Amino acid sequence: MNKPIQPTQTAAFYIQSILSFGLSLSAVAIGVAYLPVSGWIRAFLTVGILYVITSAFTLAKVVRDRQELSAVTTRVDQARLDKLLAEHDPFKVDA
């Protein structure tokens, strides 16, 4: 009665996500590189962009981990319930 966990994303979605991330990062990097400002401002914007990217990855990991934890907890609870139901005999009379 155990159902294996099925992936919820396709390979095309995975590739699209990677390409979208690469394109957006490239566009912002080119925009910062050609910005008509001094090097210090470019460096500040670059560090800010890197901070946003690492924060986004961290947030995605935390959300994924929390979702996986709830899925595992649900599966453990379901296994316990299945065991109780399998062991329960409604016709058993205690003497």
C-alpha atoms as a PDB file:
ATOM      1  CA  MET A   1       0.000   0.000   0.000  1.00  0.00           C
ATOM      2  CA  ASN A   2       3.055   2.253  -0.172  1.00  0.00           C
ATOM      3  CA  LYS A   3       3.018   4.599  -3.097  1.00  0.00           C
ATOM      4  CA  PRO A   4       6.443   5.689  -4.318  1.00  0.00           C
ATOM      5  CA  ILE A   5       7.047   9.422  -4.397  1.00  0.00           C
ATOM      6  CA  GLN A   6       6.599  10.633  -7.947  1.00  0.00           C
ATOM      7  CA  PRO A   7       8.607  13.588  -9.222  1.00  0.00           C
ATOM      8  CA  THR A   8       6.333  16.551  -9.814  1.00  0.00           C
ATOM      9  CA  GLN A   9       8.445  18.207 -12.492  1.00  0.00           C
ATOM     10  CA  THR A  10       9.420  17.199 -15.967  1.00  0.00           C
ATOM     11  CA  ALA A  11      12.837  17.402 -17.578  1.00  0.00           C
ATOM     12  CA  ALA A  12      11.581  20.213 -19.829  1.00  0.00           C
ATOM     13  CA  PHE A  13      10.549  22.268 -16.790  1.00  0.00           C
ATOM     14  CA  TYR A  14      13.961  21.657 -15.210  1.00  0.00           C
ATOM     15  CA  ILE A  15      15.783  22.788 -18.370  1.00  0.00           C
ATOM     16  CA  GLN A  16      13.501  25.809 -18.719  1.00  0.00           C
ATOM     17  CA  SER A  17      14.244  26.825 -15.131  1.00  0.00           C
ATOM     18  CA  ILE A  18      17.993  26.568 -15.661  1.00  0.00           C
ATOM     19  CA  LEU A  19      17.855  28.526 -18.912  1.00  0.00           C
ATOM     20  CA  SER A  20      15.612  31.184 -17.387  1.00  0.00           C
ATOM     21  CA  PHE A  21      17.958  31.608 -14.431  1.00  0.00           C
ATOM     22  CA  GLY A  22      20.997  31.847 -16.703  1.00  0.00           C
ATOM     23  CA  LEU A  23      19.309  34.349 -19.005  1.00  0.00           C
ATOM     24  CA  SER A  24      18.133  36.587 -16.176  1.00  0.00           C
ATOM     25  CA  LEU A  25      21.534  36.491 -14.465  1.00  0.00           C
ATOM     26  CA  SER A  26      23.262  37.321 -17.756  1.00  0.00           C
ATOM     27  CA  ALA A  27      20.882  40.197 -18.466  1.00  0.00           C
ATOM     28  CA  VAL A  28      21.425  41.744 -15.047  1.00  0.00           C
ATOM     29  CA  ALA A  29      25.199  41.228 -15.226  1.00  0.00           C
ATOM     30  CA  ILE A  30      25.359  42.916 -18.650  1.00  0.00           C
ATOM     31  CA  GLY A  31      23.142  45.719 -17.389  1.00  0.00           C
ATOM     32  CA  VAL A  32      25.411  46.348 -14.398  1.00  0.00           C
ATOM     33  CA  ALA A  33      28.541  46.112 -16.555  1.00  0.00           C
ATOM     34  CA  TYR A  34      27.321  48.761 -19.017  1.00  0.00           C
ATOM     35  CA  LEU A  35      25.801  51.032 -16.378  1.00  0.00           C
ATOM     36  CA  PRO A  36      27.318  54.547 -16.714  1.00  0.00           C
ATOM     37  CA  VAL A  37      28.513  54.754 -13.093  1.00  0.00           C
ATOM     38  CA  SER A  38      31.776  54.351 -11.227  1.00  0.00           C
ATOM     39  CA  GLY A  39      33.329  51.008 -10.330  1.00  0.00           C
ATOM     40  CA  TRP A  40      32.328  51.224  -6.674  1.00  0.00           C
ATOM     41  CA  ILE A  41      28.647  51.453  -7.556  1.00  0.00           C
ATOM     42  CA  ARG A  42      29.001  48.528  -9.986  1.00  0.00           C
ATOM     43  CA  ALA A  43      30.729  46.481  -7.280  1.00  0.00           C
ATOM     44  CA  PHE A  44      27.984  47.332  -4.781  1.00  0.00           C
ATOM     45  CA  LEU A  45      25.267  46.293  -7.235  1.00  0.00           C
ATOM     46  CA  THR A  46      27.145  43.073  -8.057  1.00  0.00           C
ATOM     47  CA  VAL A  47      27.427  42.139  -4.385  1.00  0.00           C
ATOM     48  CA  GLY A  48      23.738  42.954  -3.942  1.00  0.00           C
ATOM     49  CA  ILE A  49      22.799  40.729  -6.875  1.00  0.00           C
ATOM     50  CA  LEU A  50      24.898  37.866  -5.512  1.00  0.00           C
ATOM     51  CA  TYR A  51      23.252  38.290  -2.106  1.00  0.00           C
ATOM     52  CA  VAL A  52      19.780  38.128  -3.639  1.00  0.00           C
ATOM     53  CA  ILE A  53      20.727  35.004  -5.607  1.00  0.00           C
ATOM     54  CA  THR A  54      22.130  33.166  -2.581  1.00  0.00           C
ATOM     55  CA  SER A  55      19.107  34.198  -0.505  1.00  0.00           C
ATOM     56  CA  ALA A  56      16.768  32.885  -3.186  1.00  0.00           C
ATOM     57  CA  PHE A  57      18.579  29.531  -3.262  1.00  0.00           C
ATOM     58  CA  THR A  58      18.479  29.320   0.533  1.00  0.00           C
ATOM     59  CA  LEU A  59      14.764  30.132   0.601  1.00  0.00           C
ATOM     60  CA  ALA A  60      14.045  27.529  -2.077  1.00  0.00           C
ATOM     61  CA  LYS A  61      15.981  24.909  -0.111  1.00  0.00           C
ATOM     62  CA  VAL A  62      14.164  25.724   3.137  1.00  0.00           C
ATOM     63  CA  VAL A  63      10.762  25.543   1.439  1.00  0.00           C
ATOM     64  CA  ARG A  64      11.708  22.240  -0.222  1.00  0.00           C
ATOM     65  CA  ASP A  65      13.022  20.768   3.031  1.00  0.00           C
ATOM     66  CA  ARG A  66       9.877  21.777   4.908  1.00  0.00           C
ATOM     67  CA  GLN A  67       7.678  20.238   2.209  1.00  0.00           C
ATOM     68  CA  GLU A  68       9.700  17.011   2.243  1.00  0.00           C
ATOM     69  CA  LEU A  69       9.508  16.859   6.044  1.00  0.00           C
ATOM     70  CA  SER A  70       5.735  17.190   5.968  1.00  0.00           C
ATOM     71  CA  ALA A  71       5.537  14.506   3.266  1.00  0.00           C
ATOM     72  CA  VAL A  72       7.674  12.115   5.331  1.00  0.00           C
ATOM     73  CA  THR A  73       5.635  12.840   8.464  1.00  0.00           C
ATOM     74  CA  THR A  74       2.435  12.181   6.542  1.00  0.00           C
ATOM     75  CA  ARG A  75       3.840   8.902   5.201  1.00  0.00           C
ATOM     76  CA  VAL A  76       4.907   7.788   8.700  1.00  0.00           C
ATOM     77  CA  ASP A  77       1.478   8.645  10.109  1.00  0.00           C
ATOM     78  CA  GLN A  78      -0.170   6.767   7.235  1.00  0.00           C
ATOM     79  CA  ALA A  79       2.049   3.725   7.876  1.00  0.00           C
ATOM     80  CA  ARG A  80       1.093   3.741  11.565  1.00  0.00           C
ATOM     81  CA  LEU A  81      -2.590   3.968  10.682  1.00  0.00           C
ATOM     82  CA  ASP A  82      -2.249   1.142   8.147  1.00  0.00           C
ATOM     83  CA  LYS A  83      -0.546  -1.028  10.780  1.00  0.00           C
ATOM     84  CA  LEU A  84      -3.270  -0.337  13.346  1.00  0.00           C
ATOM     85  CA  LEU A  85      -6.000  -1.130  10.841  1.00  0.00           C
ATOM     86  CA  ALA A  86      -4.248  -4.316   9.731  1.00  0.00           C
ATOM     87  CA  GLU A  87      -3.867  -5.526  13.319  1.00  0.00           C
ATOM     88  CA  HIS A  88      -7.398  -4.592  14.373  1.00  0.00           C
ATOM     89  CA  ASP A  89      -9.853  -7.469  14.540  1.00  0.00           C
ATOM     90  CA  PRO A  90     -13.418  -6.168  14.943  1.00  0.00           C
ATOM     91  CA  PHE A  91     -14.690  -9.639  15.877  1.00  0.00           C
ATOM     92  CA  LYS A  92     -12.156 -10.253  18.630  1.00  0.00           C
ATOM     93  CA  VAL A  93     -13.760 -10.627  22.062  1.00  0.00           C
ATOM     94  CA  ASP A  94     -11.671  -9.925  25.142  1.00  0.00           C
ATOM     95  CA  ALA A  95     -12.209 -12.657  27.722  1.00  0.00           C
END
